[in-house]
C-alpha atoms as a PDB file:
ATOM      1  CA  MET A   1      11.671   8.943  -3.294  1.00  0.00           C
ATOM      2  CA  HIS A   2      11.713   7.977  -6.956  1.00  0.00           C
ATOM      3  CA  SER A   3       8.946   7.860  -9.526  1.00  0.00           C
ATOM      4  CA  ALA A   4       8.658   7.374 -13.247  1.00  0.00           C
ATOM      5  CA  LEU A   5       8.234  11.125 -13.448  1.00  0.00           C
ATOM      6  CA  ASP A   6      11.835  11.511 -12.221  1.00  0.00           C
ATOM      7  CA  GLU A   7      13.019   9.683 -15.326  1.00  0.00           C
ATOM      8  CA  GLY A   8      12.044  12.497 -17.667  1.00  0.00           C
ATOM      9  CA  ALA A   9       8.417  11.751 -18.507  1.00  0.00           C
ATOM     10  CA  HIS A  10       6.161  14.796 -18.466  1.00  0.00           C
ATOM     11  CA  PRO A  11       3.705  14.464 -15.556  1.00  0.00           C
ATOM     12  CA  GLY A  12       0.740  15.155 -17.825  1.00  0.00           C
ATOM     13  CA  VAL A  13       1.717  12.357 -20.202  1.00  0.00           C
ATOM     14  CA  ALA A  14       1.882   9.694 -17.491  1.00  0.00           C
ATOM     15  CA  ARG A  15      -1.291  11.025 -15.881  1.00  0.00           C
ATOM     16  CA  GLU A  16      -3.227  10.857 -19.150  1.00  0.00           C
ATOM     17  CA  ARG A  17      -1.987   7.354 -19.938  1.00  0.00           C
ATOM     18  CA  LEU A  18      -3.084   6.170 -16.483  1.00  0.00           C
ATOM     19  CA  ARG A  19      -6.534   7.748 -16.506  1.00  0.00           C
ATOM     20  CA  HIS A  20      -8.124   4.253 -16.671  1.00  0.00           C
ATOM     21  CA  VAL A  21      -6.372   3.192 -13.432  1.00  0.00           C
ATOM     22  CA  TYR A  22      -8.132   3.089 -10.058  1.00  0.00           C
ATOM     23  CA  TRP A  23      -6.068   2.958  -6.891  1.00  0.00           C
ATOM     24  CA  ILE A  24      -6.653   1.345  -3.470  1.00  0.00           C
ATOM     25  CA  GLY A  25      -3.950   2.129  -0.926  1.00  0.00           C
ATOM     26  CA  GLY A  26      -3.967   2.061   2.836  1.00  0.00           C
ATOM     27  CA  GLY A  27      -2.575   0.570   6.003  1.00  0.00           C
ATOM     28  CA  SER A  28      -1.372  -3.016   6.192  1.00  0.00           C
ATOM     29  CA  GLY A  29      -4.111  -5.508   7.036  1.00  0.00           C
ATOM     30  CA  ALA A  30      -6.902  -3.101   6.056  1.00  0.00           C
ATOM     31  CA  GLY A  31      -8.519  -5.529   3.615  1.00  0.00           C
ATOM     32  CA  LYS A  32      -7.181  -3.925   0.432  1.00  0.00           C
ATOM     33  CA  SER A  33      -6.591  -7.179  -1.435  1.00  0.00           C
ATOM     34  CA  THR A  34      -9.963  -8.661  -0.514  1.00  0.00           C
ATOM     35  CA  ILE A  35     -11.855  -5.512  -1.479  1.00  0.00           C
ATOM     36  CA  ALA A  36      -9.855  -5.084  -4.683  1.00  0.00           C
ATOM     37  CA  ARG A  37     -10.632  -8.654  -5.795  1.00  0.00           C
ATOM     38  CA  ARG A  38     -14.350  -8.121  -5.154  1.00  0.00           C
ATOM     39  CA  ILE A  39     -14.494  -4.864  -7.064  1.00  0.00           C
ATOM     40  CA  ALA A  40     -12.292  -6.049  -9.933  1.00  0.00           C
ATOM     41  CA  GLY A  41     -14.441  -9.148 -10.396  1.00  0.00           C
ATOM     42  CA  ARG A  42     -17.696  -7.202 -10.120  1.00  0.00           C
ATOM     43  CA  TYR A  43     -16.763  -4.535 -12.671  1.00  0.00           C
ATOM     44  CA  GLY A  44     -14.508  -6.477 -15.030  1.00  0.00           C
ATOM     45  CA  MET A  45     -11.298  -4.699 -14.050  1.00  0.00           C
ATOM     46  CA  ARG A  46      -7.753  -5.953 -14.486  1.00  0.00           C
ATOM     47  CA  LEU A  47      -6.174  -6.346 -11.024  1.00  0.00           C
ATOM     48  CA  TYR A  48      -2.614  -5.192 -10.299  1.00  0.00           C
ATOM     49  CA  ASP A  49      -1.334  -6.399  -6.909  1.00  0.00           C
ATOM     50  CA  THR A  50       1.667  -4.336  -5.793  1.00  0.00           C
ATOM     51  CA  ASP A  51       2.489  -6.826  -3.011  1.00  0.00           C
ATOM     52  CA  ALA A  52       2.887  -9.641  -5.519  1.00  0.00           C
ATOM     53  CA  VAL A  53       5.539  -7.767  -7.515  1.00  0.00           C
ATOM     54  CA  MET A  54       7.669  -6.728  -4.526  1.00  0.00           C
ATOM     55  CA  PRO A  55      10.276  -9.509  -5.009  1.00  0.00           C
ATOM     56  CA  ASP A  56      10.597  -8.638  -8.703  1.00  0.00           C
ATOM     57  CA  HIS A  57      10.886  -4.930  -7.965  1.00  0.00           C
ATOM     58  CA  ALA A  58      13.490  -5.552  -5.253  1.00  0.00           C
ATOM     59  CA  ARG A  59      15.608  -7.446  -7.796  1.00  0.00           C
ATOM     60  CA  ARG A  60      15.194  -4.706 -10.418  1.00  0.00           C
ATOM     61  CA  MET A  61      16.195  -1.767  -8.209  1.00  0.00           C
ATOM     62  CA  PRO A  62      19.876  -0.764  -8.381  1.00  0.00           C
ATOM     63  CA  ALA A  63      21.413  -0.479  -4.900  1.00  0.00           C
ATOM     64  CA  GLU A  64      22.244   3.200  -5.377  1.00  0.00           C
ATOM     65  CA  ARG A  65      18.569   3.953  -5.977  1.00  0.00           C
ATOM     66  CA  ALA A  66      17.327   1.873  -3.050  1.00  0.00           C
ATOM     67  CA  PRO A  67      19.470   2.646   0.018  1.00  0.00           C
ATOM     68  CA  TYR A  68      16.711   1.760   2.489  1.00  0.00           C
ATOM     69  CA  LEU A  69      16.069  -1.588   0.799  1.00  0.00           C
ATOM     70  CA  ARG A  70      19.807  -2.294   0.791  1.00  0.00           C
ATOM     71  CA  ASP A  71      20.059  -1.625   4.531  1.00  0.00           C
ATOM     72  CA  PHE A  72      16.905  -3.660   5.303  1.00  0.00           C
ATOM     73  CA  ALA A  73      18.172  -6.631   3.297  1.00  0.00           C
ATOM     74  CA  ALA A  74      21.434  -6.630   5.275  1.00  0.00           C
ATOM     75  CA  MET A  75      19.630  -7.023   8.630  1.00  0.00           C
ATOM     76  CA  ASP A  76      18.690 -10.294  10.294  1.00  0.00           C
ATOM     77  CA  MET A  77      15.134 -10.865  11.521  1.00  0.00           C
ATOM     78  CA  ASP A  78      15.788  -9.607  15.050  1.00  0.00           C
ATOM     79  CA  GLU A  79      17.499  -6.453  13.777  1.00  0.00           C
ATOM     80  CA  ARG A  80      14.482  -5.761  11.595  1.00  0.00           C
ATOM     81  CA  TRP A  81      11.642  -6.462  14.011  1.00  0.00           C
ATOM     82  CA  VAL A  82      12.927  -6.686  17.609  1.00  0.00           C
ATOM     83  CA  ALA A  83      15.965  -4.452  18.171  1.00  0.00           C
ATOM     84  CA  ARG A  84      14.647  -1.249  16.585  1.00  0.00           C
ATOM     85  CA  SER A  85      11.899   1.071  17.769  1.00  0.00           C
ATOM     86  CA  PRO A  86       8.609   1.230  15.843  1.00  0.00           C
ATOM     87  CA  ARG A  87       9.449   4.823  14.868  1.00  0.00           C
ATOM     88  CA  GLU A  88      12.777   3.800  13.360  1.00  0.00           C
ATOM     89  CA  MET A  89      11.078   0.904  11.608  1.00  0.00           C
ATOM     90  CA  LEU A  90       8.540   3.323  10.127  1.00  0.00           C
ATOM     91  CA  ASP A  91      11.021   5.960   9.026  1.00  0.00           C
ATOM     92  CA  THR A  92      13.452   3.533   7.356  1.00  0.00           C
ATOM     93  CA  PHE A  93      11.129   0.968   5.728  1.00  0.00           C
ATOM     94  CA  HIS A  94      11.973   1.097   2.027  1.00  0.00           C
ATOM     95  CA  TRP A  95       8.444   0.685   0.637  1.00  0.00           C
ATOM     96  CA  TYR A  96       7.159   3.392   2.997  1.00  0.00           C
ATOM     97  CA  ARG A  97       9.891   5.657   1.616  1.00  0.00           C
ATOM     98  CA  GLY A  98       8.560   5.195  -1.901  1.00  0.00           C
ATOM     99  CA  GLU A  99      11.460   3.128  -3.202  1.00  0.00           C
ATOM    100  CA  GLY A 100      10.305   1.161  -6.236  1.00  0.00           C
ATOM    101  CA  PHE A 101       7.212   3.260  -6.904  1.00  0.00           C
ATOM    102  CA  ASP A 102       8.637   4.150 -10.323  1.00  0.00           C
ATOM    103  CA  LEU A 103       8.517   0.426 -11.164  1.00  0.00           C
ATOM    104  CA  ILE A 104       4.839   0.300 -10.227  1.00  0.00           C
ATOM    105  CA  VAL A 105       4.218   3.125 -12.671  1.00  0.00           C
ATOM    106  CA  GLU A 106       6.273   1.377 -15.357  1.00  0.00           C
ATOM    107  CA  ASP A 107       4.258  -1.824 -14.884  1.00  0.00           C
ATOM    108  CA  LEU A 108       0.953   0.057 -15.104  1.00  0.00           C
ATOM    109  CA  LEU A 109       2.023   1.912 -18.239  1.00  0.00           C
ATOM    110  CA  ALA A 110       2.939  -1.426 -19.841  1.00  0.00           C
ATOM    111  CA  LEU A 111      -0.500  -2.988 -19.224  1.00  0.00           C
ATOM    112  CA  PRO A 112      -3.128  -2.936 -22.000  1.00  0.00           C
ATOM    113  CA  ALA A 113      -5.575  -0.056 -21.635  1.00  0.00           C
ATOM    114  CA  ASP A 114      -8.499  -2.018 -23.056  1.00  0.00           C
ATOM    115  CA  ARG A 115     -10.310  -2.058 -19.701  1.00  0.00           C
ATOM    116  CA  PRO A 116      -9.980  -0.373 -16.297  1.00  0.00           C
ATOM    117  CA  VAL A 117      -7.092  -1.405 -14.060  1.00  0.00           C
ATOM    118  CA  LEU A 118      -7.391  -1.617 -10.268  1.00  0.00           C
ATOM    119  CA  ALA A 119      -4.032  -1.202  -8.520  1.00  0.00           C
ATOM    120  CA  GLU A 120      -3.875  -2.052  -4.831  1.00  0.00           C
ATOM    121  CA  GLY A 121      -1.367  -2.188  -2.013  1.00  0.00           C
ATOM    122  CA  PHE A 122       0.198  -0.275   0.860  1.00  0.00           C
ATOM    123  CA  ARG A 123       2.988   0.951  -1.478  1.00  0.00           C
ATOM    124  CA  LEU A 124       0.531   3.352  -3.133  1.00  0.00           C
ATOM    125  CA  LEU A 125       1.467   6.389  -1.058  1.00  0.00           C
ATOM    126  CA  PRO A 126      -0.860   9.404  -1.358  1.00  0.00           C
ATOM    127  CA  ASP A 127       1.822  11.933  -2.256  1.00  0.00           C
ATOM    128  CA  LEU A 128       3.108   9.689  -5.059  1.00  0.00           C
ATOM    129  CA  VAL A 129      -0.293   8.738  -6.477  1.00  0.00           C
ATOM    130  CA  ARG A 130      -1.774  12.251  -6.344  1.00  0.00           C
ATOM    131  CA  PRO A 131       0.223  13.644  -9.330  1.00  0.00           C
ATOM    132  CA  LEU A 132      -0.956  10.710 -11.476  1.00  0.00           C
ATOM    133  CA  LEU A 133      -4.692  11.245 -10.986  1.00  0.00           C
ATOM    134  CA  THR A 134      -6.892  12.738 -13.676  1.00  0.00           C
ATOM    135  CA  GLU A 135      -9.825  12.317 -11.284  1.00  0.00           C
ATOM    136  CA  ILE A 136      -9.418  12.537  -7.510  1.00  0.00           C
ATOM    137  CA  GLY A 137     -12.239  10.012  -7.058  1.00  0.00           C
ATOM    138  CA  HIS A 138     -10.191   7.275  -8.734  1.00  0.00           C
ATOM    139  CA  ALA A 139      -8.116   6.735  -5.562  1.00  0.00           C
ATOM    140  CA  VAL A 140      -9.115   5.528  -2.089  1.00  0.00           C
ATOM    141  CA  TRP A 141      -7.044   4.771   1.010  1.00  0.00           C
ATOM    142  CA  LEU A 142      -8.311   2.311   3.624  1.00  0.00           C
ATOM    143  CA  LEU A 143      -7.377   3.451   7.131  1.00  0.00           C
ATOM    144  CA  PRO A 144      -7.668   0.611   9.683  1.00  0.00           C
ATOM    145  CA  THR A 145      -8.213   1.344  13.365  1.00  0.00           C
ATOM    146  CA  PRO A 146      -5.828  -0.293  15.882  1.00  0.00           C
ATOM    147  CA  GLY A 147      -8.678  -2.604  16.911  1.00  0.00           C
ATOM    148  CA  PHE A 148      -9.154  -3.761  13.331  1.00  0.00           C
ATOM    149  CA  ARG A 149      -5.434  -4.415  12.896  1.00  0.00           C
ATOM    150  CA  GLN A 150      -5.281  -6.353  16.173  1.00  0.00           C
ATOM    151  CA  ALA A 151      -8.228  -8.507  15.118  1.00  0.00           C
ATOM    152  CA  VAL A 152      -6.565  -9.264  11.781  1.00  0.00           C
ATOM    153  CA  PHE A 153      -3.388 -10.512  13.441  1.00  0.00           C
ATOM    154  CA  ASP A 154      -5.322 -12.451  16.066  1.00  0.00           C
ATOM    155  CA  ASP A 155      -7.058 -14.261  13.201  1.00  0.00           C
ATOM    156  CA  ARG A 156      -3.701 -14.939  11.571  1.00  0.00           C
ATOM    157  CA  GLY A 157      -2.312 -16.529  14.732  1.00  0.00           C
ATOM    158  CA  GLY A 158      -0.825 -13.568  16.593  1.00  0.00           C
ATOM    159  CA  PRO A 159       2.882 -14.023  17.437  1.00  0.00           C
ATOM    160  CA  ALA A 160       2.867 -17.409  15.676  1.00  0.00           C
ATOM    161  CA  TRP A 161       2.164 -15.693  12.347  1.00  0.00           C
ATOM    162  CA  GLY A 162       4.593 -15.461   9.430  1.00  0.00           C
ATOM    163  CA  PHE A 163       7.938 -13.698   9.720  1.00  0.00           C
ATOM    164  CA  VAL A 164       7.148 -12.528  13.279  1.00  0.00           C
ATOM    165  CA  ALA A 165       7.419 -16.154  14.441  1.00  0.00           C
ATOM    166  CA  ARG A 166      10.958 -16.357  13.030  1.00  0.00           C
ATOM    167  CA  THR A 167      12.315 -13.780  15.487  1.00  0.00           C
ATOM    168  CA  ALA A 168      13.789 -14.476  18.928  1.00  0.00           C
ATOM    169  CA  ASP A 169      10.887 -12.653  20.612  1.00  0.00           C
ATOM    170  CA  PRO A 170       7.677 -12.982  18.543  1.00  0.00           C
ATOM    171  CA  PRO A 171       5.372 -11.138  20.996  1.00  0.00           C
ATOM    172  CA  HIS A 172       7.723  -8.144  21.088  1.00  0.00           C
ATOM    173  CA  ALA A 173       8.164  -8.214  17.313  1.00  0.00           C
ATOM    174  CA  LEU A 174       4.393  -8.247  16.838  1.00  0.00           C
ATOM    175  CA  ARG A 175       3.953  -5.283  19.198  1.00  0.00           C
ATOM    176  CA  ASN A 176       6.593  -3.380  17.246  1.00  0.00           C
ATOM    177  CA  LEU A 177       4.922  -4.236  13.956  1.00  0.00           C
ATOM    178  CA  LEU A 178       1.472  -3.171  15.158  1.00  0.00           C
ATOM    179  CA  GLN A 179       2.816   0.116  16.536  1.00  0.00           C
ATOM    180  CA  ARG A 180       4.764   0.824  13.358  1.00  0.00           C
ATOM    181  CA  ASP A 181       1.735   0.182  11.166  1.00  0.00           C
ATOM    182  CA  ALA A 182      -0.511   2.285  13.417  1.00  0.00           C
ATOM    183  CA  MET A 183       1.876   5.188  12.881  1.00  0.00           C
ATOM    184  CA  PHE A 184       1.884   4.488   9.150  1.00  0.00           C
ATOM    185  CA  THR A 185      -1.915   4.666   9.117  1.00  0.00           C
ATOM    186  CA  ASP A 186      -1.752   7.964  11.024  1.00  0.00           C
ATOM    187  CA  ARG A 187       0.606   9.286   8.352  1.00  0.00           C
ATOM    188  CA  LEU A 188      -1.749   8.167   5.574  1.00  0.00           C
ATOM    189  CA  THR A 189      -4.663   9.824   7.372  1.00  0.00           C
ATOM    190  CA  GLU A 190      -2.789  13.126   7.492  1.00  0.00           C
ATOM    191  CA  GLN A 191      -1.645  12.898   3.868  1.00  0.00           C
ATOM    192  CA  THR A 192      -5.057  12.058   2.461  1.00  0.00           C
ATOM    193  CA  ARG A 193      -6.564  14.939   4.398  1.00  0.00           C
ATOM    194  CA  ASP A 194      -3.858  17.412   3.338  1.00  0.00           C
ATOM    195  CA  LEU A 195      -4.042  16.328  -0.325  1.00  0.00           C
ATOM    196  CA  ASP A 196      -7.863  16.261  -0.369  1.00  0.00           C
ATOM    197  CA  LEU A 197      -7.940  12.532  -1.179  1.00  0.00           C
ATOM    198  CA  ASN A 198     -10.445   9.844  -0.164  1.00  0.00           C
ATOM    199  CA  GLY A 199      -9.629   8.106   3.116  1.00  0.00           C
ATOM    200  CA  LEU A 200     -12.069   5.504   4.481  1.00  0.00           C
ATOM    201  CA  ARG A 201     -11.872   4.455   8.129  1.00  0.00           C
ATOM    202  CA  VAL A 202     -12.034   0.676   8.627  1.00  0.00           C
ATOM    203  CA  ASP A 203     -13.077  -0.669  12.036  1.00  0.00           C
ATOM    204  CA  PRO A 204     -14.159  -4.125  13.250  1.00  0.00           C
ATOM    205  CA  THR A 205     -17.858  -3.330  12.694  1.00  0.00           C
ATOM    206  CA  VAL A 206     -17.429  -2.919   8.913  1.00  0.00           C
ATOM    207  CA  THR A 207     -18.205  -5.991   6.784  1.00  0.00           C
ATOM    208  CA  GLU A 208     -16.291  -6.783   3.616  1.00  0.00           C
ATOM    209  CA  GLU A 209     -19.376  -6.204   1.482  1.00  0.00           C
ATOM    210  CA  ASP A 210     -20.109  -2.871   3.139  1.00  0.00           C
ATOM    211  CA  LEU A 211     -16.536  -1.762   2.565  1.00  0.00           C
ATOM    212  CA  ALA A 212     -16.616  -2.909  -1.059  1.00  0.00           C
ATOM    213  CA  ARG A 213     -19.774  -0.848  -1.580  1.00  0.00           C
ATOM    214  CA  ARG A 214     -18.182   2.201   0.034  1.00  0.00           C
ATOM    215  CA  VAL A 215     -15.094   1.951  -2.158  1.00  0.00           C
ATOM    216  CA  SER A 216     -17.184   1.395  -5.291  1.00  0.00           C
ATOM    217  CA  ALA A 217     -19.257   4.458  -4.396  1.00  0.00           C
ATOM    218  CA  ALA A 218     -16.134   6.541  -3.836  1.00  0.00           C
ATOM    219  CA  PHE A 219     -14.907   5.454  -7.272  1.00  0.00           C
ATOM    220  CA  GLY A 220     -18.274   6.414  -8.800  1.00  0.00           C
ATOM    221  CA  LEU A 221     -18.697   2.932 -10.262  1.00  0.00           C
ATOM    222  CA  ASP A 222     -22.399   2.659  -9.407  1.00  0.00           C
ATOM    223  CA  GLN A 223     -23.438   5.859 -11.133  1.00  0.00           C
END
């Protein structure tokens, strides 16, 4: 894994310069973007969407510093989502390996510090964010249950959704994706627990407003 701290910056310097940043990470389809937009709008925060900058970051990463991205880019859709096991998909997915996290840090350091920044996305891995926190309460990970994830993809159209539909076997690709992301959420659950970070379980009974209130409370924004 790479981070801006690998490039020679003292950890304390980057941490101090990012003290105005709040972080929402978590499993795919956990509602991170929706909750982040609500909170950013409610509290006047600048929103930084790590999903939106993925194409730019992929272009900016030299191949020698992104071997997992290089291998992923060389695969066709069936090699990515049908032919491999969910475990292999988990262990070799470039963003889950932390590739490009240093570019997230660079982007955040380049933003004006005139108001709080809310960074969100599944690329915010607990072990990479933890060294950048001046306050543990400034980071939350949303941990979706399998039922919540299934409901999200059912709403999106199931096997007819997005890149899954462009494979030779969409139902199998979707099963692989759901299993991979369930394992990713399990990994986040373990990491947040081991690093004493905030992890919030998200199940189908939780409304968006309830979740936004829980995240805001975890951040200490209502104090």
